């Protein structure tokens, strides 16, 4: 039996200007990836388990997408139609839809259909259907009109039946419905008139269908709250005649409060239905429903110390199947904290976070409360524990970490695992000794990127660059660097960071970059420190969002010059590495061409 799990919001982005702005959601050739089509101009590729968009494509201003985008399961490409006749085909690497493959068709398109095991088909508004391959071979081919005047397609679906593609679509004219079945391997199109049956003058709201042996079971939902079923033959007895099919009553539904009543035949079934707290982690299977119905802390009372003692007792008997109960307890504590500003049970919240049972979507008020009180200890732990922190909250945490005073950080118990001892002389000497021999693949004396500097009078060796922030602040910022984000949704929020804080963060990132560059593995010491890739990504993000502002700050001028020099040196490094790679490829090719391994030879390979 199917089980309905908790819902979660995939996107808070407004889809279209009208209430019916969502045009469609279609699967792709990769599990958990879906194409979401806006009724106006945009197609977004989502990975649902991460609740993150992987790509977004839009047509030009003035153009309108007129049918949902689908995936070609044979090639992995995406297909969409805009302005009724213009067909576009692209893949994930393409950025601009205006520059991808384009074909203008001779007739208006109703929908494009694609399923596993079959070539995509295009259904035209006139009722004709063509395979995608046939249309691409001749886009301007003549398309016949099958439907009568005033007959409009209301619903369609594509199946593979016994390895053969079958297209079913429903039309409506003057309140009457017809079903069409298109068999592509025999090129037969069958038409069936759907008789009203028991629903009388009710309006059909929607359709769905599935294949049941030699029939297509077509179900329709009517405005009278009934579900009707019609069995449509896949192989008709006479394809030339307009055959008639009668709908039969399948279910009748009533809903009152938290009870759903279903009339199925002569049986009346009641299904209790109750919507709980929505949780992304629960929808991903990371949370399970609690077996223990206890809700002793849904409305906690008493002193904070008393609650802490009771919570410790509860957690001593806590089992991993009580995740939702942990969420309820957290929500109860936060509810009281909101009602009583003087009540803020930090120790209890820290204990609950340590259970690994919480997520942002399960208790979004937790990080909001911590931000309101500048509780960096709770925020740091949330960033480490939560896999679904929105980019706006991540940026709010960054602002708090950069603005809080050094004196305030001294008395806070911050996790320092990601920070190494910046004052460790032995560590610095060891790095300096390594950098004296090799610095990112170059000897300091021979580096081509320093050739211009070497021509100038030499200055005394500069002292090691000090860290621009305290170790406590560094630990908090490292949590930001290691957090998950989507660049598209993070950039707008980074523009709101004050200029002086942006400069400070860039200085810290530059310091980390220097430390990475001082050793051959190009990694930082410590437990779970930021990686070089994360450091470079955040430098790029900050400069993309605030370059104009940073450029106007005198203190940032030297920093930008240093960043430019390091980028230039990295280009030189990769250029020389590419030369070495080519040389070794040629050497491997020469070794493979040797036919007689018994002969002795000496070969000189010039790398530079």
Protein backbone atom coordinates (compact mmCIF):
# COMPACT_ATOMS: atom_id res chain seq x y z
CA UNK A 1 0.00 0.00 0.00
CA UNK A 2 1.28 3.46 -0.87
CA UNK A 3 2.02 5.76 2.06
CA UNK A 4 1.69 9.52 1.83
CA UNK A 5 4.73 11.19 3.37
CA UNK A 6 5.21 14.79 4.47
CA UNK A 7 5.30 17.49 1.84
CA UNK A 8 8.02 20.07 1.30
CA UNK A 9 8.38 23.18 -0.82
CA UNK A 10 10.59 22.63 -3.84
CA UNK A 11 10.75 26.28 -4.88
CA UNK A 12 9.51 29.56 -3.52
CA UNK A 13 10.15 31.29 -6.85
CA UNK A 14 7.01 32.82 -8.38
CA UNK A 15 6.02 30.75 -11.40
CA UNK A 16 4.38 32.99 -13.95
CA UNK A 17 2.23 36.00 -13.38
CA UNK A 18 -1.09 34.14 -13.18
CA UNK A 19 -2.40 31.62 -10.61
CA UNK A 20 -1.95 28.86 -13.18
CA UNK A 21 1.66 29.85 -13.78
CA UNK A 22 3.01 26.29 -13.57
CA UNK A 23 2.78 24.67 -16.98
CA UNK A 24 4.09 21.22 -16.13
CA UNK A 25 6.52 18.93 -14.28
CA UNK A 26 8.22 16.14 -16.24
CA UNK A 27 10.82 13.47 -15.30
CA UNK A 28 14.25 13.20 -16.93
CA UNK A 29 16.63 10.37 -17.72
CA UNK A 30 18.20 10.71 -14.25
CA UNK A 31 16.44 9.58 -11.09
CA UNK A 32 15.33 12.46 -8.87
CA UNK A 33 15.83 15.07 -11.64
CA UNK A 34 12.71 16.88 -12.91
CA UNK A 35 11.98 19.63 -15.42
CA UNK A 36 9.63 22.33 -14.10
CA UNK A 37 8.13 24.59 -16.78
CA UNK A 38 6.82 28.07 -16.08
CA UNK A 39 3.84 29.12 -18.20
CA UNK A 40 5.67 32.28 -19.25
CA UNK A 41 9.37 31.98 -20.15
CA UNK A 42 11.39 29.63 -17.94
CA UNK A 43 12.37 25.95 -17.62
CA UNK A 44 14.16 24.85 -14.42
CA UNK A 45 15.93 21.52 -13.84
CA UNK A 46 15.62 20.42 -10.19
CA UNK A 47 17.27 17.71 -8.14
CA UNK A 48 14.44 17.07 -5.70
CA UNK A 49 16.42 15.28 -2.98
CA UNK A 50 18.72 18.31 -2.63
CA UNK A 51 15.87 20.81 -3.13
CA UNK A 52 18.23 22.67 -5.46
CA UNK A 53 17.97 23.82 -9.08
CA UNK A 54 20.67 22.40 -11.35
CA UNK A 55 19.95 24.65 -14.31
CA UNK A 56 17.58 27.30 -15.60
CA UNK A 57 16.81 28.36 -19.18
CA UNK A 58 14.56 31.15 -20.44
CA UNK A 59 13.28 32.23 -23.83
CA UNK A 60 13.70 35.83 -24.93
CA UNK A 61 11.47 38.66 -23.78
CA UNK A 62 8.28 38.59 -25.82
CA UNK A 63 8.39 34.83 -26.39
CA UNK A 64 6.13 32.45 -24.41
CA UNK A 65 6.59 28.76 -23.66
CA UNK A 66 3.42 27.00 -24.81
CA UNK A 67 3.93 23.38 -23.68
CA UNK A 68 5.89 21.67 -20.86
CA UNK A 69 9.53 20.83 -21.50
CA UNK A 70 10.31 17.11 -21.68
CA UNK A 71 13.44 14.96 -21.74
CA UNK A 72 14.42 12.83 -24.70
CA UNK A 73 15.24 9.61 -22.86
CA UNK A 74 17.21 8.33 -25.84
CA UNK A 75 19.66 11.25 -25.96
CA UNK A 76 19.31 12.98 -22.57
CA UNK A 77 18.46 16.27 -24.30
CA UNK A 78 15.59 18.59 -23.35
CA UNK A 79 12.75 19.63 -25.69
CA UNK A 80 10.39 22.57 -25.44
CA UNK A 81 8.03 24.52 -27.72
CA UNK A 82 7.52 28.26 -27.52
CA UNK A 83 5.13 30.49 -29.44
CA UNK A 84 3.15 27.36 -30.48
CA UNK A 85 5.39 26.41 -33.42
CA UNK A 86 9.05 26.92 -32.48
CA UNK A 87 10.80 23.73 -31.29
CA UNK A 88 13.98 24.02 -29.19
CA UNK A 89 16.37 21.19 -28.25
CA UNK A 90 19.25 21.62 -25.78
CA UNK A 91 21.33 19.88 -23.09
CA UNK A 92 22.49 20.78 -19.59
CA UNK A 93 25.69 22.44 -20.81
CA UNK A 94 23.84 25.00 -22.94
CA UNK A 95 23.27 28.40 -21.34
CA UNK A 96 21.28 30.49 -23.81
CA UNK A 97 18.12 28.99 -25.34
CA UNK A 98 18.33 31.48 -28.17
CA UNK A 99 21.54 29.78 -29.39
CA UNK A 100 20.42 26.13 -29.24
CA UNK A 101 18.87 24.02 -31.99
CA UNK A 102 15.70 25.56 -33.44
CA UNK A 103 13.04 24.21 -35.80
CA UNK A 104 9.91 26.09 -36.86
CA UNK A 105 7.01 23.71 -37.51
CA UNK A 106 4.13 24.10 -39.97
CA UNK A 107 1.30 23.71 -37.42
CA UNK A 108 0.63 24.66 -33.81
CA UNK A 109 1.77 22.14 -31.18
CA UNK A 110 -0.40 20.99 -28.29
CA UNK A 111 2.25 18.97 -26.42
CA UNK A 112 5.46 16.96 -26.69
CA UNK A 113 5.53 13.50 -25.10
CA UNK A 114 8.48 11.32 -24.13
CA UNK A 115 8.76 8.08 -22.15
CA UNK A 116 11.44 5.47 -21.54
CA UNK A 117 11.78 3.02 -24.41
CA UNK A 118 10.24 5.18 -27.14
CA UNK A 119 11.12 8.07 -29.39
CA UNK A 120 9.49 11.40 -28.42
CA UNK A 121 6.29 12.34 -30.27
CA UNK A 122 4.71 15.71 -30.99
CA UNK A 123 0.91 16.11 -30.75
CA UNK A 124 -0.49 18.98 -32.80
CA UNK A 125 -3.61 20.95 -31.85
CA UNK A 126 -5.40 19.59 -34.88
CA UNK A 127 -5.10 16.03 -33.54
CA UNK A 128 -2.26 14.79 -35.77
CA UNK A 129 0.88 13.29 -34.22
CA UNK A 130 4.43 12.91 -35.54
CA UNK A 131 7.63 11.36 -34.23
CA UNK A 132 10.35 13.85 -33.33
CA UNK A 133 12.74 12.25 -35.79
CA UNK A 134 10.30 12.70 -38.68
CA UNK A 135 9.73 16.36 -37.80
CA UNK A 136 13.44 17.13 -37.53
CA UNK A 137 13.98 15.59 -40.96
CA UNK A 138 11.31 17.87 -42.46
CA UNK A 139 10.09 20.56 -40.02
CA UNK A 140 7.81 22.26 -42.58
CA UNK A 141 6.00 19.09 -43.64
CA UNK A 142 2.25 19.38 -44.02
CA UNK A 143 0.27 18.37 -40.93
CA UNK A 144 -3.29 17.17 -41.41
CA UNK A 145 -6.23 18.23 -39.20
CA UNK A 146 -8.03 15.33 -37.53
CA UNK A 147 -10.41 17.15 -35.19
CA UNK A 148 -13.63 18.86 -36.15
CA UNK A 149 -14.22 22.60 -35.83
CA UNK A 150 -14.50 23.63 -32.19
CA UNK A 151 -13.04 20.33 -30.89
CA UNK A 152 -10.23 21.01 -28.41
CA UNK A 153 -7.66 18.64 -26.85
CA UNK A 154 -8.08 18.61 -23.05
CA UNK A 155 -5.66 15.89 -21.96
CA UNK A 156 -3.09 13.51 -23.46
CA UNK A 157 -0.72 10.76 -22.37
CA UNK A 158 1.97 8.61 -23.99
CA UNK A 159 2.44 4.88 -23.26
CA UNK A 160 4.58 1.98 -24.38
CA UNK A 161 2.33 -1.09 -24.76
CA UNK A 162 3.96 -4.39 -25.68
CA UNK A 163 7.04 -2.42 -26.84
CA UNK A 164 4.93 -0.24 -29.13
CA UNK A 165 4.25 3.48 -28.54
CA UNK A 166 0.61 4.48 -28.00
CA UNK A 167 -0.72 8.03 -27.68
CA UNK A 168 -4.08 8.70 -26.01
CA UNK A 169 -5.75 12.11 -25.97
CA UNK A 170 -9.17 13.40 -24.86
CA UNK A 171 -11.06 16.13 -26.68
CA UNK A 172 -14.07 18.24 -25.73
CA UNK A 173 -16.73 19.94 -27.86
CA UNK A 174 -19.99 21.41 -26.56
CA UNK A 175 -19.59 19.51 -23.28
CA UNK A 176 -19.07 16.14 -25.00
CA UNK A 177 -15.83 14.19 -24.75
CA UNK A 178 -14.08 11.85 -27.19
CA UNK A 179 -11.04 9.61 -26.71
CA UNK A 180 -8.49 9.08 -29.50
CA UNK A 181 -5.94 6.24 -29.52
CA UNK A 182 -2.99 6.61 -31.92
CA UNK A 183 -0.99 3.41 -32.66
CA UNK A 184 2.31 4.46 -34.23
CA UNK A 185 3.55 1.06 -35.40
CA UNK A 186 0.31 0.45 -37.39
CA UNK A 187 -0.49 4.14 -37.98
CA UNK A 188 -4.07 3.52 -36.84
CA UNK A 189 -6.07 6.29 -35.15
CA UNK A 190 -9.22 5.14 -33.30
CA UNK A 191 -11.97 7.43 -32.00
CA UNK A 192 -14.34 6.72 -29.10
CA UNK A 193 -17.23 8.83 -27.85
CA UNK A 194 -17.43 8.88 -24.04
CA UNK A 195 -21.07 8.73 -22.99
CA UNK A 196 -21.98 10.75 -19.90
CA UNK A 197 -23.17 7.75 -17.87
CA UNK A 198 -24.21 8.59 -14.30
CA UNK A 199 -22.57 11.98 -13.88
CA UNK A 200 -25.34 13.90 -15.66
CA UNK A 201 -24.54 17.57 -16.11
CA UNK A 202 -21.39 17.64 -13.95
CA UNK A 203 -18.17 19.03 -15.40
CA UNK A 204 -15.14 16.79 -15.90
CA UNK A 205 -12.19 18.37 -14.10
CA UNK A 206 -9.26 16.10 -14.95
CA UNK A 207 -8.18 12.76 -16.43
CA UNK A 208 -5.58 10.09 -15.76
CA UNK A 209 -4.95 6.67 -17.28
CA UNK A 210 -2.93 3.49 -17.02
CA UNK A 211 -2.54 0.36 -19.15
CA UNK A 212 -4.44 -2.73 -17.98
CA UNK A 213 -3.63 -5.65 -20.28
CA UNK A 214 -5.46 -4.97 -23.56
CA UNK A 215 -7.28 -1.90 -22.27
CA UNK A 216 -6.42 1.61 -21.24
CA UNK A 217 -8.16 2.38 -17.96
CA UNK A 218 -9.22 6.01 -18.29
CA UNK A 219 -10.32 7.68 -15.06
CA UNK A 220 -11.92 11.10 -14.77
CA UNK A 221 -12.70 13.35 -11.80
CA UNK A 222 -15.99 15.27 -12.05
CA UNK A 223 -17.19 18.39 -10.30
CA UNK A 224 -19.75 16.33 -8.33
CA UNK A 225 -16.93 14.67 -6.37
CA UNK A 226 -17.07 11.38 -8.27
CA UNK A 227 -14.36 9.37 -9.97
CA UNK A 228 -15.45 7.56 -13.15
CA UNK A 229 -13.68 4.81 -15.09
CA UNK A 230 -13.80 4.03 -18.82
CA UNK A 231 -12.09 1.02 -20.42
CA UNK A 232 -10.67 2.02 -23.81
CA UNK A 233 -9.58 -0.85 -26.11
CA UNK A 234 -5.99 -0.64 -27.31
CA UNK A 235 -6.81 -2.74 -30.37
CA UNK A 236 -10.29 -1.72 -31.65
CA UNK A 237 -12.55 -4.10 -33.52
CA UNK A 238 -13.29 -1.54 -36.22
CA UNK A 239 -10.97 1.43 -36.70
CA UNK A 240 -13.26 3.10 -39.24
CA UNK A 241 -16.24 3.60 -36.91
CA UNK A 242 -16.74 6.11 -34.10
CA UNK A 243 -17.30 3.67 -31.24
CA UNK A 244 -19.10 4.57 -28.00
CA UNK A 245 -17.92 3.85 -24.48
CA UNK A 246 -19.89 4.30 -21.24
CA UNK A 247 -18.27 5.58 -18.06
CA UNK A 248 -18.90 3.74 -14.79
CA UNK A 249 -18.87 5.16 -11.28
CA UNK A 250 -15.68 4.16 -9.47
CA UNK A 251 -15.55 6.35 -6.34
CA UNK A 252 -17.55 9.12 -4.66
CA UNK A 253 -15.68 11.46 -2.30
CA UNK A 254 -16.68 13.69 0.58
CA UNK A 255 -14.30 15.56 2.86
CA UNK A 256 -15.19 16.96 6.28
CA UNK A 257 -12.46 18.31 8.51
CA UNK A 258 -9.86 15.61 9.01
CA UNK A 259 -11.92 12.78 7.48
CA UNK A 260 -12.16 11.70 3.85
CA UNK A 261 -15.21 9.60 2.96
CA UNK A 262 -15.02 7.35 -0.11
CA UNK A 263 -17.92 5.43 -1.65
CA UNK A 264 -16.52 2.45 -3.56
CA UNK A 265 -19.28 0.21 -4.88
CA UNK A 266 -21.47 -0.56 -1.86
CA UNK A 267 -18.73 0.16 0.70
CA UNK A 268 -18.30 3.49 2.47
CA UNK A 269 -14.69 3.95 3.58
CA UNK A 270 -13.42 6.64 5.94
CA UNK A 271 -9.76 7.72 5.80
CA UNK A 272 -8.51 9.99 8.62
CA UNK A 273 -6.17 12.59 7.15
CA UNK A 274 -4.10 15.07 9.09
CA UNK A 275 -1.30 17.31 7.84
CA UNK A 276 1.66 17.51 10.21
CA UNK A 277 4.77 19.72 10.14
CA UNK A 278 6.31 19.81 6.68
CA UNK A 279 9.90 18.60 6.58
CA UNK A 280 12.32 18.34 3.68
CA UNK A 281 14.45 15.85 5.59
CA UNK A 282 11.37 13.76 6.26
CA UNK A 283 10.45 13.78 2.59
CA UNK A 284 13.97 12.64 1.72
CA UNK A 285 13.64 9.63 4.00
CA UNK A 286 16.07 11.00 6.57
CA UNK A 287 13.35 11.28 9.21
CA UNK A 288 10.86 8.64 10.34
CA UNK A 289 7.56 8.95 12.15
CA UNK A 290 7.74 8.69 15.90
CA UNK A 291 6.33 5.58 17.53
CA UNK A 292 6.10 7.23 20.92
CA UNK A 293 3.03 9.51 20.95
CA UNK A 294 4.33 11.40 23.97
CA UNK A 295 4.19 15.16 23.58
CA UNK A 296 5.37 16.11 27.04
CA UNK A 297 7.29 19.14 25.76
CA UNK A 298 4.90 20.38 23.09
CA UNK A 299 4.08 23.19 25.53
CA UNK A 300 7.03 23.19 27.97
CA UNK A 301 6.56 24.83 31.33
CA UNK A 302 8.74 25.39 34.38
CA UNK A 303 12.22 26.86 34.66
CA UNK A 304 14.88 26.36 32.02
CA UNK A 305 16.89 24.20 34.42
CA UNK A 306 13.87 21.96 35.08
CA UNK A 307 13.24 21.55 31.34
CA UNK A 308 16.91 20.77 30.77
CA UNK A 309 16.79 17.99 33.37
CA UNK A 310 13.62 16.51 31.87
CA UNK A 311 15.10 16.70 28.39
CA UNK A 312 18.24 14.90 29.53
CA UNK A 313 16.09 12.09 30.92
CA UNK A 314 14.15 11.85 27.69
CA UNK A 315 17.26 11.81 25.49
CA UNK A 316 18.76 9.04 27.61
CA UNK A 317 15.92 6.78 26.37
CA UNK A 318 15.71 8.36 22.92
CA UNK A 319 15.81 6.06 19.90
CA UNK A 320 16.48 6.96 16.24
CA UNK A 321 12.82 6.39 15.28
CA UNK A 322 11.66 9.45 17.27
CA UNK A 323 12.90 12.16 14.90
CA UNK A 324 9.56 13.90 14.51
CA UNK A 325 9.12 13.99 18.29
CA UNK A 326 12.47 15.77 18.54
CA UNK A 327 11.10 18.31 16.08
CA UNK A 328 7.95 18.77 18.16
CA UNK A 329 10.00 19.35 21.31
CA UNK A 330 12.14 21.95 19.51
CA UNK A 331 9.04 23.68 18.17
CA UNK A 332 7.56 23.78 21.68
CA UNK A 333 10.69 25.37 23.13
CA UNK A 334 10.85 27.93 20.34
CA UNK A 335 7.15 28.72 20.73
CA UNK A 336 7.63 29.57 24.38
CA UNK A 337 10.82 31.55 23.58
CA UNK A 338 8.82 33.64 21.12
CA UNK A 339 6.06 34.27 23.65
CA UNK A 340 8.52 34.98 26.49
CA UNK A 341 11.55 36.97 25.22
CA UNK A 342 13.42 36.33 28.47
CA UNK A 343 13.19 32.55 27.93
CA UNK A 344 15.88 31.15 25.63
CA UNK A 345 16.96 27.57 26.50
CA UNK A 346 20.31 27.47 24.65
CA UNK A 347 21.53 24.34 26.45
CA UNK A 348 18.36 22.45 25.56
CA UNK A 349 18.59 23.51 21.93
CA UNK A 350 22.23 22.42 21.79
CA UNK A 351 21.29 19.00 23.17
CA UNK A 352 18.55 18.62 20.57
CA UNK A 353 20.94 19.63 17.77
CA UNK A 354 23.43 17.01 18.91
CA UNK A 355 20.87 14.27 18.18
CA UNK A 356 21.28 14.83 14.39
CA UNK A 357 17.48 14.53 14.16
CA UNK A 358 16.71 18.11 13.13
CA UNK A 359 16.73 19.93 9.83
CA UNK A 360 15.97 23.48 8.77
CA UNK A 361 12.68 22.53 7.13
CA UNK A 362 11.58 20.68 10.29
CA UNK A 363 12.21 23.67 12.57
CA UNK A 364 12.98 26.86 10.60
CA UNK A 365 12.32 28.97 13.69
CA UNK A 366 15.47 27.65 15.37
CA UNK A 367 17.94 29.55 13.19
CA UNK A 368 15.66 32.59 13.13
CA UNK A 369 15.68 32.71 16.94
CA UNK A 370 19.46 32.24 17.02
CA UNK A 371 19.98 35.04 14.48
CA UNK A 372 17.72 37.35 16.48
CA UNK A 373 19.89 36.78 19.57
CA UNK A 374 23.22 36.57 17.66
CA UNK A 375 23.74 33.12 19.16
CA UNK A 376 26.72 32.13 17.03
CA UNK A 377 27.22 28.86 18.90
CA UNK A 378 23.79 27.55 17.85
CA UNK A 379 24.20 28.98 14.33
CA UNK A 380 27.54 27.23 13.88
CA UNK A 381 26.06 23.90 14.92
CA UNK A 382 23.01 24.39 12.66
CA UNK A 383 25.28 25.02 9.66
CA UNK A 384 27.16 21.82 10.45
CA UNK A 385 24.06 19.68 11.05
CA UNK A 386 21.40 20.98 8.63
CA UNK A 387 21.60 19.87 4.98
CA UNK A 388 18.87 22.24 3.78
CA UNK A 389 19.71 25.76 5.02
CA UNK A 390 18.36 28.37 2.54
CA UNK A 391 20.88 30.74 0.96
CA UNK A 392 19.19 33.75 2.57
CA UNK A 393 19.75 32.26 6.05
CA UNK A 394 23.35 31.30 5.19
CA UNK A 395 24.01 34.92 4.20
CA UNK A 396 22.33 36.19 7.38
CA UNK A 397 24.66 33.95 9.40
CA UNK A 398 27.64 35.35 7.48
CA UNK A 399 26.60 38.92 8.33
CA UNK A 400 26.31 37.98 12.01
CA UNK A 401 29.71 36.24 12.05
CA UNK A 402 31.38 39.26 10.45
CA UNK A 403 29.69 41.93 12.57
CA UNK A 404 29.87 40.44 16.06
CA UNK A 405 32.63 41.96 18.22
CA UNK A 406 35.81 40.09 19.14
CA UNK A 407 35.09 40.66 22.83
CA UNK A 408 31.72 38.94 22.49
CA UNK A 409 33.35 35.89 20.91
CA UNK A 410 35.88 35.39 23.69
CA UNK A 411 33.41 33.94 26.20
CA UNK A 412 31.59 31.64 23.74
CA UNK A 413 32.33 27.93 23.43
CA UNK A 414 32.87 27.69 19.66
CA UNK A 415 33.86 24.49 17.89
CA UNK A 416 37.47 25.10 16.74
CA UNK A 417 38.09 21.82 14.89
CA UNK A 418 38.32 23.45 11.48
CA UNK A 419 40.94 26.00 12.60
CA UNK A 420 44.65 25.27 13.00
CA UNK A 421 46.95 27.25 15.29
CA UNK A 422 47.94 30.30 13.26
CA UNK A 423 50.66 31.15 15.75
CA UNK A 424 52.35 27.73 15.49
CA UNK A 425 55.93 28.72 14.62
CA UNK A 426 56.98 25.15 13.90
CA UNK A 427 54.11 24.78 11.45
CA UNK A 428 55.00 28.05 9.71
CA UNK A 429 58.68 27.12 9.49
CA UNK A 430 57.76 23.76 8.01
CA UNK A 431 55.57 25.45 5.41
CA UNK A 432 58.26 28.03 4.65
CA UNK A 433 60.82 25.25 4.19
CA UNK A 434 58.50 23.52 1.71
CA UNK A 435 57.71 26.75 -0.11
CA UNK A 436 61.44 27.50 -0.42
CA UNK A 437 61.80 24.34 -2.47
CA UNK A 438 58.54 24.34 -4.38
CA UNK A 439 55.64 26.80 -4.51
CA UNK A 440 52.74 25.48 -6.57
CA UNK A 441 55.14 23.78 -8.93
CA UNK A 442 57.63 26.69 -9.19
CA UNK A 443 60.89 27.60 -7.50
CA UNK A 444 60.58 31.21 -6.27
CA UNK A 445 63.68 32.20 -8.22
CA UNK A 446 62.51 30.65 -11.49
CA UNK A 447 58.80 31.50 -11.43
CA UNK A 448 57.84 33.17 -14.68
CA UNK A 449 55.00 35.02 -12.94
CA UNK A 450 57.57 36.80 -10.71
CA UNK A 451 59.93 37.71 -13.58
CA UNK A 452 58.67 41.28 -13.73
CA UNK A 453 59.05 41.72 -9.99
CA UNK A 454 62.60 40.32 -10.04
CA UNK A 455 63.67 43.05 -12.45
CA UNK A 456 62.87 45.64 -9.79
CA UNK A 457 65.11 46.29 -6.75
CA UNK A 458 64.67 43.50 -4.27
CA UNK A 459 62.97 44.35 -0.99
CA UNK A 460 63.56 42.57 2.30
CA UNK A 461 61.60 39.34 2.68
CA UNK A 462 58.13 40.10 3.98
CA UNK A 463 56.98 38.64 7.28
CA UNK A 464 54.37 35.85 7.18
CA UNK A 465 50.90 37.25 6.52
CA UNK A 466 48.94 37.44 9.79
CA UNK A 467 45.38 36.15 9.96
CA UNK A 468 43.00 39.13 9.68
CA UNK A 469 40.45 37.58 12.08
CA UNK A 470 40.59 35.87 15.46
CA UNK A 471 40.56 32.04 15.61
CA UNK A 472 36.99 32.10 16.97
CA UNK A 473 35.72 34.18 14.05
CA UNK A 474 37.75 32.01 11.64
CA UNK A 475 35.97 28.90 12.93
CA UNK A 476 32.59 30.52 12.31
CA UNK A 477 33.55 31.66 8.81
CA UNK A 478 34.83 28.17 7.98
CA UNK A 479 31.33 26.89 8.69
CA UNK A 480 30.02 29.26 6.03
CA UNK A 481 32.64 28.12 3.52
CA UNK A 482 31.73 24.46 4.01
CA UNK A 483 27.94 24.97 3.77
CA UNK A 484 25.91 23.92 0.72
CA UNK A 485 24.47 26.61 -1.54
CA UNK A 486 23.22 27.42 -5.01
CA UNK A 487 25.12 30.26 -6.66
CA UNK A 488 21.97 31.56 -8.36
CA UNK A 489 20.13 32.09 -5.07
CA UNK A 490 23.15 33.14 -2.98
CA UNK A 491 24.46 36.01 -5.14
CA UNK A 492 21.53 38.43 -4.57
CA UNK A 493 21.93 38.14 -0.79
CA UNK A 494 25.72 38.67 -0.89
CA UNK A 495 25.11 42.12 -2.37
CA UNK A 496 23.54 43.22 0.93
CA UNK A 497 26.73 42.64 2.96
CA UNK A 498 28.37 45.95 4.05
CA UNK A 499 31.53 46.89 2.16
CA UNK A 500 33.84 46.72 5.17
CA UNK A 501 32.61 43.22 6.04
CA UNK A 502 33.05 42.10 2.44
CA UNK A 503 36.64 43.35 2.52
CA UNK A 504 37.32 41.58 5.81
CA UNK A 505 35.95 38.30 4.48
CA UNK A 506 38.01 38.65 1.29
CA UNK A 507 41.14 39.27 3.38
CA UNK A 508 40.46 36.10 5.35
CA UNK A 509 39.86 34.10 2.18
CA UNK A 510 43.12 35.46 0.74
CA UNK A 511 44.93 34.45 3.92
CA UNK A 512 43.55 30.90 3.62
CA UNK A 513 44.58 30.83 -0.02
CA UNK A 514 48.14 31.77 0.97
CA UNK A 515 48.23 29.02 3.56
CA UNK A 516 47.03 26.47 1.01
CA UNK A 517 49.69 27.62 -1.44
CA UNK A 518 52.51 27.18 1.08
CA UNK A 519 52.46 23.38 0.99
CA UNK A 520 52.60 20.85 -1.80
CA UNK A 521 49.19 19.14 -1.16
CA UNK A 522 47.56 22.62 -1.16
CA UNK A 523 45.41 21.73 1.83
CA UNK A 524 44.88 23.28 5.24
CA UNK A 525 45.65 21.46 8.49
CA UNK A 526 42.92 20.81 11.01
CA UNK A 527 39.79 18.68 11.12
CA UNK A 528 37.40 19.32 8.20
CA UNK A 529 38.98 22.63 7.08
CA UNK A 530 37.76 24.45 3.96
CA UNK A 531 39.14 23.10 0.70
CA UNK A 532 40.99 25.18 -1.86
CA UNK A 533 38.03 24.82 -4.22
CA UNK A 534 35.62 26.19 -1.61
CA UNK A 535 37.95 29.11 -0.89
CA UNK A 536 38.26 30.04 -4.56
CA UNK A 537 34.51 29.68 -5.14
CA UNK A 538 33.72 32.11 -2.33
CA UNK A 539 36.33 34.62 -3.56
CA UNK A 540 34.64 34.55 -6.96
CA UNK A 541 31.17 34.86 -5.42
CA UNK A 542 32.10 37.87 -3.31
CA UNK A 543 33.81 39.64 -6.19
CA UNK A 544 30.91 38.90 -8.54
CA UNK A 545 28.44 40.37 -6.06
CA UNK A 546 30.45 43.33 -4.75
CA UNK A 547 33.33 44.07 -7.15
CA UNK A 548 32.24 47.66 -7.88
CA UNK A 549 31.85 48.43 -4.17
CA UNK A 550 35.14 46.78 -3.19
CA UNK A 551 36.95 48.64 -5.96
CA UNK A 552 36.02 51.96 -4.31
CA UNK A 553 37.54 51.02 -0.93
CA UNK A 554 41.19 52.13 -0.56
CA UNK A 555 41.95 49.33 1.89
CA UNK A 556 40.91 46.74 -0.66
CA UNK A 557 43.19 47.97 -3.47
CA UNK A 558 46.24 46.05 -2.30
CA UNK A 559 44.10 42.96 -1.73
CA UNK A 560 42.74 43.04 -5.29
CA UNK A 561 46.27 43.44 -6.68
CA UNK A 562 47.44 40.41 -4.69
CA UNK A 563 44.47 38.36 -5.86
CA UNK A 564 45.26 39.32 -9.43
CA UNK A 565 48.87 38.19 -9.02
CA UNK A 566 47.85 34.86 -7.59
CA UNK A 567 45.33 34.24 -10.36
CA UNK A 568 48.04 35.07 -12.88
CA UNK A 569 50.44 32.66 -11.18
CA UNK A 570 47.81 29.91 -11.23
CA UNK A 571 47.32 30.44 -14.96
CA UNK A 572 51.06 30.04 -15.43
CA UNK A 573 51.08 26.89 -13.29
CA UNK A 574 48.31 25.22 -15.27
CA UNK A 575 49.86 26.31 -18.55
CA UNK A 576 53.13 24.60 -17.67
CA UNK A 577 51.31 21.54 -16.36
CA UNK A 578 49.49 21.27 -19.67
CA UNK A 579 52.86 21.32 -21.46
CA UNK A 580 54.12 18.52 -19.23
CA UNK A 581 50.94 16.54 -19.82
CA UNK A 582 51.37 16.83 -23.58
CA UNK A 583 55.03 15.77 -23.30
CA UNK A 584 54.17 12.69 -21.27
CA UNK A 585 51.38 11.83 -23.68
CA UNK A 586 53.90 11.92 -26.54
CA UNK A 587 56.29 9.76 -24.53
CA UNK A 588 53.55 7.22 -23.88
CA UNK A 589 52.73 7.23 -27.58
CA UNK A 590 56.39 6.56 -28.48
CA UNK A 591 56.56 3.68 -26.01
CA UNK A 592 53.45 2.12 -27.52
CA UNK A 593 54.90 2.35 -31.02
CA UNK A 594 57.96 0.29 -30.13
CA UNK A 595 57.59 -3.02 -31.88
CA UNK A 596 60.77 -4.70 -30.68
CA UNK A 597 61.33 -4.45 -26.95
CA UNK A 598 64.66 -6.30 -27.15
CA UNK A 599 66.52 -3.46 -28.82
CA UNK A 600 68.46 -1.02 -26.66
CA UNK A 601 67.99 2.66 -27.32
CA UNK A 602 68.51 6.01 -25.64
CA UNK A 603 65.92 8.72 -26.18
CA UNK A 604 66.06 12.33 -25.05
CA UNK A 605 62.73 13.96 -24.29
CA UNK A 606 62.82 17.77 -24.07
CA UNK A 607 60.09 19.01 -21.76
CA UNK A 608 60.78 22.75 -22.05
